[in-house]
């Protein structure tokens, strides 16, 4: 992973997700979707960290692919929170762009790893 950009970005995103969960719980009194968001949103960075310590190329691809799936799930929960008015347009716009950026990076890493694996 070049300069560990994905490690840093996924960790920073996890911090944002934790803070968003706190906000949703305390200010919006929303717990169910916030808990789902917390699981998927922090799992991205956890799987990226595991991938960084992968035992093989296949293990690396597997962990990064799981991170990508978790990022897509996180995008779903963010969209749902926005559509149900738990997140306003400004809050949503800020965090969804970070999520989209992670997805793009993860997909590029997967493609590169698979291309280099052949």
Protein backbone atom coordinates (compact mmCIF):
# COMPACT_ATOMS: atom_id res chain seq x y z
CA UNK A 1 0.00 0.00 0.00
CA UNK A 2 1.70 3.12 -1.26
CA UNK A 3 2.55 5.42 1.66
CA UNK A 4 -0.32 3.82 3.60
CA UNK A 5 -2.78 6.39 2.24
CA UNK A 6 -5.64 3.93 2.53
CA UNK A 7 -4.65 3.09 6.11
CA UNK A 8 -4.80 6.75 7.10
CA UNK A 9 -7.96 7.56 5.17
CA UNK A 10 -9.82 4.51 6.46
CA UNK A 11 -8.75 5.28 10.05
CA UNK A 12 -9.82 8.92 9.74
CA UNK A 13 -13.13 7.75 8.29
CA UNK A 14 -13.61 5.42 11.26
CA UNK A 15 -13.11 8.37 13.62
CA UNK A 16 -15.79 10.30 11.71
CA UNK A 17 -18.14 7.32 11.94
CA UNK A 18 -17.63 7.01 15.71
CA UNK A 19 -18.35 10.71 16.13
CA UNK A 20 -21.39 10.48 13.87
CA UNK A 21 -22.73 7.58 15.94
CA UNK A 22 -22.33 9.65 19.12
CA UNK A 23 -24.19 12.52 17.45
CA UNK A 24 -27.00 10.28 16.19
CA UNK A 25 -27.42 8.68 19.61
CA UNK A 26 -27.37 11.86 21.66
CA UNK A 27 -28.89 14.48 19.38
CA UNK A 28 -31.20 12.47 17.14
CA UNK A 29 -32.03 9.63 19.57
CA UNK A 30 -31.37 7.15 16.76
CA UNK A 31 -29.64 3.95 17.84
CA UNK A 32 -30.47 1.09 15.47
CA UNK A 33 -29.18 2.52 12.18
CA UNK A 34 -26.34 4.24 14.04
CA UNK A 35 -25.17 0.87 15.38
CA UNK A 36 -25.28 -0.67 11.90
CA UNK A 37 -23.35 2.31 10.53
CA UNK A 38 -20.78 1.94 13.31
CA UNK A 39 -20.22 -1.74 12.52
CA UNK A 40 -19.75 -1.33 8.78
CA UNK A 41 -18.02 2.06 8.87
CA UNK A 42 -15.32 1.03 11.33
CA UNK A 43 -14.92 -2.39 9.74
CA UNK A 44 -13.47 -0.74 6.63
CA UNK A 45 -10.35 0.41 8.46
CA UNK A 46 -10.09 -2.79 10.48
CA UNK A 47 -10.02 -4.87 7.30
CA UNK A 48 -7.57 -2.51 5.61
CA UNK A 49 -5.30 -2.90 8.65
CA UNK A 50 -5.59 -6.68 8.42
CA UNK A 51 -4.80 -6.51 4.70
CA UNK A 52 -1.66 -4.55 5.49
CA UNK A 53 -0.48 -7.57 7.47
CA UNK A 54 -1.73 -10.17 5.01
CA UNK A 55 0.02 -13.52 4.85
CA UNK A 56 -0.35 -13.84 1.09
CA UNK A 57 -1.54 -11.99 -1.98
CA UNK A 58 -4.83 -13.93 -1.82
CA UNK A 59 -5.27 -12.97 1.83
CA UNK A 60 -4.56 -9.33 0.94
CA UNK A 61 -7.13 -9.33 -1.87
CA UNK A 62 -9.68 -11.00 0.39
CA UNK A 63 -9.30 -8.44 3.20
CA UNK A 64 -9.36 -5.46 0.84
CA UNK A 65 -12.43 -6.92 -0.86
CA UNK A 66 -14.17 -7.22 2.52
CA UNK A 67 -13.26 -3.58 3.25
CA UNK A 68 -14.80 -2.63 -0.09
CA UNK A 69 -18.02 -4.50 0.73
CA UNK A 70 -18.17 -2.79 4.12
CA UNK A 71 -17.68 0.60 2.43
CA UNK A 72 -20.62 -0.11 0.15
CA UNK A 73 -22.76 -1.12 3.14
CA UNK A 74 -21.71 2.06 4.93
CA UNK A 75 -22.78 4.09 1.90
CA UNK A 76 -26.19 2.41 2.13
CA UNK A 77 -26.65 3.36 5.81
CA UNK A 78 -25.52 6.93 5.15
CA UNK A 79 -28.01 7.26 2.28
CA UNK A 80 -30.78 5.84 4.46
CA UNK A 81 -29.96 8.20 7.34
CA UNK A 82 -30.05 11.11 4.92
CA UNK A 83 -33.27 10.06 3.21
CA UNK A 84 -34.99 9.64 6.59
CA UNK A 85 -33.82 13.10 7.73
CA UNK A 86 -31.38 11.98 10.41
CA UNK A 87 -28.63 13.68 8.40
CA UNK A 88 -29.16 17.02 6.71
CA UNK A 89 -27.78 17.74 3.24
CA UNK A 90 -24.58 19.32 4.52
CA UNK A 91 -23.79 16.52 6.99
CA UNK A 92 -24.54 13.89 4.37
CA UNK A 93 -22.56 15.56 1.59
CA UNK A 94 -19.43 15.77 3.71
CA UNK A 95 -19.30 12.17 4.87
CA UNK A 96 -20.64 10.50 1.73
CA UNK A 97 -17.84 12.06 -0.31
CA UNK A 98 -15.29 10.49 2.05
CA UNK A 99 -17.06 7.15 1.73
CA UNK A 100 -17.10 7.39 -2.07
CA UNK A 101 -13.40 8.22 -2.08
CA UNK A 102 -12.64 5.13 0.02
CA UNK A 103 -14.66 2.96 -2.36
CA UNK A 104 -12.74 4.29 -5.36
CA UNK A 105 -9.38 3.73 -3.69
CA UNK A 106 -10.32 0.23 -2.51
CA UNK A 107 -11.58 -0.75 -5.97
CA UNK A 108 -8.36 0.52 -7.54
CA UNK A 109 -6.29 -1.48 -5.03
CA UNK A 110 -8.31 -4.63 -5.75
CA UNK A 111 -7.94 -4.20 -9.51
CA UNK A 112 -4.21 -3.56 -9.22
CA UNK A 113 -3.66 -6.51 -6.90
CA UNK A 114 -5.63 -8.85 -9.18
CA UNK A 115 -3.84 -7.58 -12.30
CA UNK A 116 -0.46 -8.10 -10.62
CA UNK A 117 -1.54 -11.53 -9.43
CA UNK A 118 -1.82 -12.98 -12.94
